[in-house]
Amino acid sequence: MADKIRLDKWLWAARFYKTRSLAVQEIGKGRVLVNGQPVKPAREIALDDLISIRKEDPAIHVRVRAVSNVRGPAPVARLLYEETPESIAAREHAAEMRRLAPEPSHDIVGRPTKRDRRLIDLVRGKS
């Protein structure tokens, strides 16, 4: 194990992304920050770097605990990083909010029926 590794390799080895090319794309879009700064995929990371990954809302903040350029099983990959307590609290809060106030559109299944379309038109004020 080395003491520094490319960011895209580390994200792949830590199982945040399925492929290195996906990791490179997400880094390029600015969805991955190292110590609060946007970086390039070839940026070398070291121990104790803080990485923010925006895959879903809220972003995941992890601290690098080990580096590896081999993609191993999930339990081993989990040892490469430690999620910050603030990140864990934010994710739990977001999950609780989703549970308490679910998205209304998730209840809709399929296309509206003729009756549904008529009700929608009535609400919108169309004749």
C-alpha atoms as a PDB file:
ATOM      1  CA  MET A   1       0.000   0.000   0.000  1.00  0.00           C
ATOM      2  CA  ALA A   2       1.291   3.412  -0.965  1.00  0.00           C
ATOM      3  CA  ASP A   3       0.775   6.638   0.938  1.00  0.00           C
ATOM      4  CA  LYS A   4      -0.742   8.543  -2.026  1.00  0.00           C
ATOM      5  CA  ILE A   5      -3.061   7.514  -4.863  1.00  0.00           C
ATOM      6  CA  ARG A   6      -5.015   9.122  -7.688  1.00  0.00           C
ATOM      7  CA  LEU A   7      -8.481  10.271  -6.638  1.00  0.00           C
ATOM      8  CA  ASP A   8     -10.320   8.341  -9.370  1.00  0.00           C
ATOM      9  CA  LYS A   9      -8.547   5.095  -8.426  1.00  0.00           C
ATOM     10  CA  TRP A  10      -9.333   5.586  -4.749  1.00  0.00           C
ATOM     11  CA  LEU A  11     -13.037   6.302  -5.396  1.00  0.00           C
ATOM     12  CA  TRP A  12     -13.207   3.146  -7.506  1.00  0.00           C
ATOM     13  CA  ALA A  13     -11.342   1.039  -4.912  1.00  0.00           C
ATOM     14  CA  ALA A  14     -13.537   2.405  -2.087  1.00  0.00           C
ATOM     15  CA  ARG A  15     -16.598   1.356  -4.145  1.00  0.00           C
ATOM     16  CA  PHE A  16     -18.183   4.793  -4.485  1.00  0.00           C
ATOM     17  CA  TYR A  17     -18.320   4.255  -8.264  1.00  0.00           C
ATOM     18  CA  LYS A  18     -18.571   1.056 -10.266  1.00  0.00           C
ATOM     19  CA  THR A  19     -15.898   2.035 -12.789  1.00  0.00           C
ATOM     20  CA  ARG A  20     -12.995   4.455 -12.878  1.00  0.00           C
ATOM     21  CA  SER A  21     -14.470   6.167 -15.916  1.00  0.00           C
ATOM     22  CA  LEU A  22     -17.663   6.905 -13.946  1.00  0.00           C
ATOM     23  CA  ALA A  23     -15.520   8.352 -11.162  1.00  0.00           C
ATOM     24  CA  VAL A  24     -13.672  10.521 -13.707  1.00  0.00           C
ATOM     25  CA  GLN A  25     -16.986  11.794 -15.132  1.00  0.00           C
ATOM     26  CA  GLU A  26     -18.336  12.718 -11.699  1.00  0.00           C
ATOM     27  CA  ILE A  27     -15.097  14.445 -10.724  1.00  0.00           C
ATOM     28  CA  GLY A  28     -15.199  16.375 -13.997  1.00  0.00           C
ATOM     29  CA  LYS A  29     -18.756  17.522 -13.271  1.00  0.00           C
ATOM     30  CA  GLY A  30     -17.595  18.930  -9.927  1.00  0.00           C
ATOM     31  CA  ARG A  31     -19.514  16.435  -7.810  1.00  0.00           C
ATOM     32  CA  VAL A  32     -16.399  15.330  -5.923  1.00  0.00           C
ATOM     33  CA  LEU A  33     -14.431  17.797  -3.802  1.00  0.00           C
ATOM     34  CA  VAL A  34     -11.191  17.249  -1.906  1.00  0.00           C
ATOM     35  CA  ASN A  35     -10.775  19.445   1.167  1.00  0.00           C
ATOM     36  CA  GLY A  36     -13.558  21.687  -0.156  1.00  0.00           C
ATOM     37  CA  GLN A  37     -11.836  22.307  -3.522  1.00  0.00           C
ATOM     38  CA  PRO A  38     -12.849  21.047  -6.971  1.00  0.00           C
ATOM     39  CA  VAL A  39     -10.081  18.822  -8.321  1.00  0.00           C
ATOM     40  CA  LYS A  40      -9.042  16.801 -11.350  1.00  0.00           C
ATOM     41  CA  PRO A  41      -9.174  12.976 -11.474  1.00  0.00           C
ATOM     42  CA  ALA A  42      -5.368  12.685 -11.344  1.00  0.00           C
ATOM     43  CA  ARG A  43      -5.156  14.633  -8.045  1.00  0.00           C
ATOM     44  CA  GLU A  44      -3.263  12.568  -5.531  1.00  0.00           C
ATOM     45  CA  ILE A  45      -4.965  12.105  -2.190  1.00  0.00           C
ATOM     46  CA  ALA A  46      -3.350  11.118   1.078  1.00  0.00           C
ATOM     47  CA  LEU A  47      -4.445  10.056   4.546  1.00  0.00           C
ATOM     48  CA  ASP A  48      -6.777  12.450   6.412  1.00  0.00           C
ATOM     49  CA  ASP A  49      -7.975  14.217   3.235  1.00  0.00           C
ATOM     50  CA  LEU A  50     -11.667  15.148   3.420  1.00  0.00           C
ATOM     51  CA  ILE A  51     -13.623  14.075   0.331  1.00  0.00           C
ATOM     52  CA  SER A  52     -17.187  15.266  -0.416  1.00  0.00           C
ATOM     53  CA  ILE A  53     -19.167  13.083  -2.812  1.00  0.00           C
ATOM     54  CA  ARG A  54     -22.504  14.309  -4.161  1.00  0.00           C
ATOM     55  CA  LYS A  55     -24.252  11.180  -5.413  1.00  0.00           C
ATOM     56  CA  GLU A  56     -27.542  11.974  -3.744  1.00  0.00           C
ATOM     57  CA  ASP A  57     -28.824  14.667  -1.444  1.00  0.00           C
ATOM     58  CA  PRO A  58     -27.178  15.374   0.995  1.00  0.00           C
ATOM     59  CA  ALA A  59     -23.544  14.894  -0.031  1.00  0.00           C
ATOM     60  CA  ILE A  60     -21.421  12.278   1.716  1.00  0.00           C
ATOM     61  CA  HIS A  61     -18.308  13.577   3.516  1.00  0.00           C
ATOM     62  CA  VAL A  62     -15.613  10.996   4.196  1.00  0.00           C
ATOM     63  CA  ARG A  63     -12.112  11.150   5.605  1.00  0.00           C
ATOM     64  CA  VAL A  64      -9.463   8.977   3.935  1.00  0.00           C
ATOM     65  CA  ARG A  65      -8.193   6.361   6.399  1.00  0.00           C
ATOM     66  CA  ALA A  66      -6.215   4.129   4.007  1.00  0.00           C
ATOM     67  CA  VAL A  67      -5.242   4.047   0.349  1.00  0.00           C
ATOM     68  CA  SER A  68      -5.501   1.095  -1.971  1.00  0.00           C
ATOM     69  CA  ASN A  69      -5.417   0.758  -5.733  1.00  0.00           C
ATOM     70  CA  VAL A  70      -7.071  -2.674  -5.643  1.00  0.00           C
ATOM     71  CA  ARG A  71     -10.825  -3.023  -5.615  1.00  0.00           C
ATOM     72  CA  GLY A  72     -11.662  -5.553  -2.929  1.00  0.00           C
ATOM     73  CA  PRO A  73     -14.875  -6.748  -1.296  1.00  0.00           C
ATOM     74  CA  ALA A  74     -17.204  -4.179   0.275  1.00  0.00           C
ATOM     75  CA  PRO A  75     -16.174  -4.844   3.914  1.00  0.00           C
ATOM     76  CA  VAL A  76     -12.525  -4.231   2.976  1.00  0.00           C
ATOM     77  CA  ALA A  77     -13.414  -1.144   0.924  1.00  0.00           C
ATOM     78  CA  ARG A  78     -15.299   0.258   3.931  1.00  0.00           C
ATOM     79  CA  LEU A  79     -12.003   0.335   5.849  1.00  0.00           C
ATOM     80  CA  LEU A  80     -10.537   2.844   3.348  1.00  0.00           C
ATOM     81  CA  TYR A  81     -12.662   5.712   4.672  1.00  0.00           C
ATOM     82  CA  GLU A  82     -14.582   6.987   7.668  1.00  0.00           C
ATOM     83  CA  GLU A  83     -17.748   9.039   7.239  1.00  0.00           C
ATOM     84  CA  THR A  84     -17.815  12.236   9.291  1.00  0.00           C
ATOM     85  CA  PRO A  85     -20.374  12.477  12.137  1.00  0.00           C
ATOM     86  CA  GLU A  86     -21.918  15.577  10.499  1.00  0.00           C
ATOM     87  CA  SER A  87     -22.428  13.646   7.255  1.00  0.00           C
ATOM     88  CA  ILE A  88     -24.058  10.727   9.080  1.00  0.00           C
ATOM     89  CA  ALA A  89     -26.394  13.098  10.952  1.00  0.00           C
ATOM     90  CA  ALA A  90     -27.323  14.937   7.732  1.00  0.00           C
ATOM     91  CA  ARG A  91     -28.103  11.663   5.912  1.00  0.00           C
ATOM     92  CA  GLU A  92     -30.224  10.398   8.831  1.00  0.00           C
ATOM     93  CA  HIS A  93     -32.089  13.729   8.962  1.00  0.00           C
ATOM     94  CA  ALA A  94     -32.738  13.610   5.207  1.00  0.00           C
ATOM     95  CA  ALA A  95     -34.011  10.015   5.475  1.00  0.00           C
ATOM     96  CA  GLU A  96     -36.331  11.010   8.322  1.00  0.00           C
ATOM     97  CA  MET A  97     -37.668  13.952   6.299  1.00  0.00           C
ATOM     98  CA  ARG A  98     -38.323  11.652   3.313  1.00  0.00           C
ATOM     99  CA  ARG A  99     -40.147   9.246   5.622  1.00  0.00           C
ATOM    100  CA  LEU A 100     -42.289  11.972   7.189  1.00  0.00           C
ATOM    101  CA  ALA A 101     -43.084  13.846   3.973  1.00  0.00           C
ATOM    102  CA  PRO A 102     -42.795  11.479   1.015  1.00  0.00           C
ATOM    103  CA  GLU A 103     -42.777  12.804  -2.532  1.00  0.00           C
ATOM    104  CA  PRO A 104     -46.407  12.929  -3.760  1.00  0.00           C
ATOM    105  CA  SER A 105     -45.486  11.875  -7.278  1.00  0.00           C
ATOM    106  CA  HIS A 106     -44.249   8.491  -6.025  1.00  0.00           C
ATOM    107  CA  ASP A 107     -47.878   7.430  -5.466  1.00  0.00           C
ATOM    108  CA  ILE A 108     -48.781   7.942  -9.136  1.00  0.00           C
ATOM    109  CA  VAL A 109     -48.524   4.792 -11.203  1.00  0.00           C
ATOM    110  CA  GLY A 110     -48.885   4.816 -14.989  1.00  0.00           C
ATOM    111  CA  ARG A 111     -50.673   7.248 -17.246  1.00  0.00           C
ATOM    112  CA  PRO A 112     -53.760   9.170 -16.135  1.00  0.00           C
ATOM    113  CA  THR A 113     -57.099   7.620 -17.054  1.00  0.00           C
ATOM    114  CA  LYS A 114     -59.735   9.510 -19.009  1.00  0.00           C
ATOM    115  CA  ARG A 115     -61.448  10.391 -15.711  1.00  0.00           C
ATOM    116  CA  ASP A 116     -58.117  11.580 -14.240  1.00  0.00           C
ATOM    117  CA  ARG A 117     -57.507  13.798 -17.280  1.00  0.00           C
ATOM    118  CA  ARG A 118     -60.946  15.350 -16.923  1.00  0.00           C
ATOM    119  CA  LEU A 119     -60.275  16.095 -13.226  1.00  0.00           C
ATOM    120  CA  ILE A 120     -56.876  17.606 -14.110  1.00  0.00           C
ATOM    121  CA  ASP A 121     -58.503  19.791 -16.761  1.00  0.00           C
ATOM    122  CA  LEU A 122     -61.178  20.852 -14.253  1.00  0.00           C
ATOM    123  CA  VAL A 123     -58.535  21.855 -11.691  1.00  0.00           C
ATOM    124  CA  ARG A 124     -56.519  23.738 -14.315  1.00  0.00           C
ATOM    125  CA  GLY A 125     -59.638  25.615 -15.401  1.00  0.00           C
ATOM    126  CA  LYS A 126     -59.821  24.142 -18.885  1.00  0.00           C
ATOM    127  CA  SER A 127     -63.133  23.102 -20.354  1.00  0.00           C
END
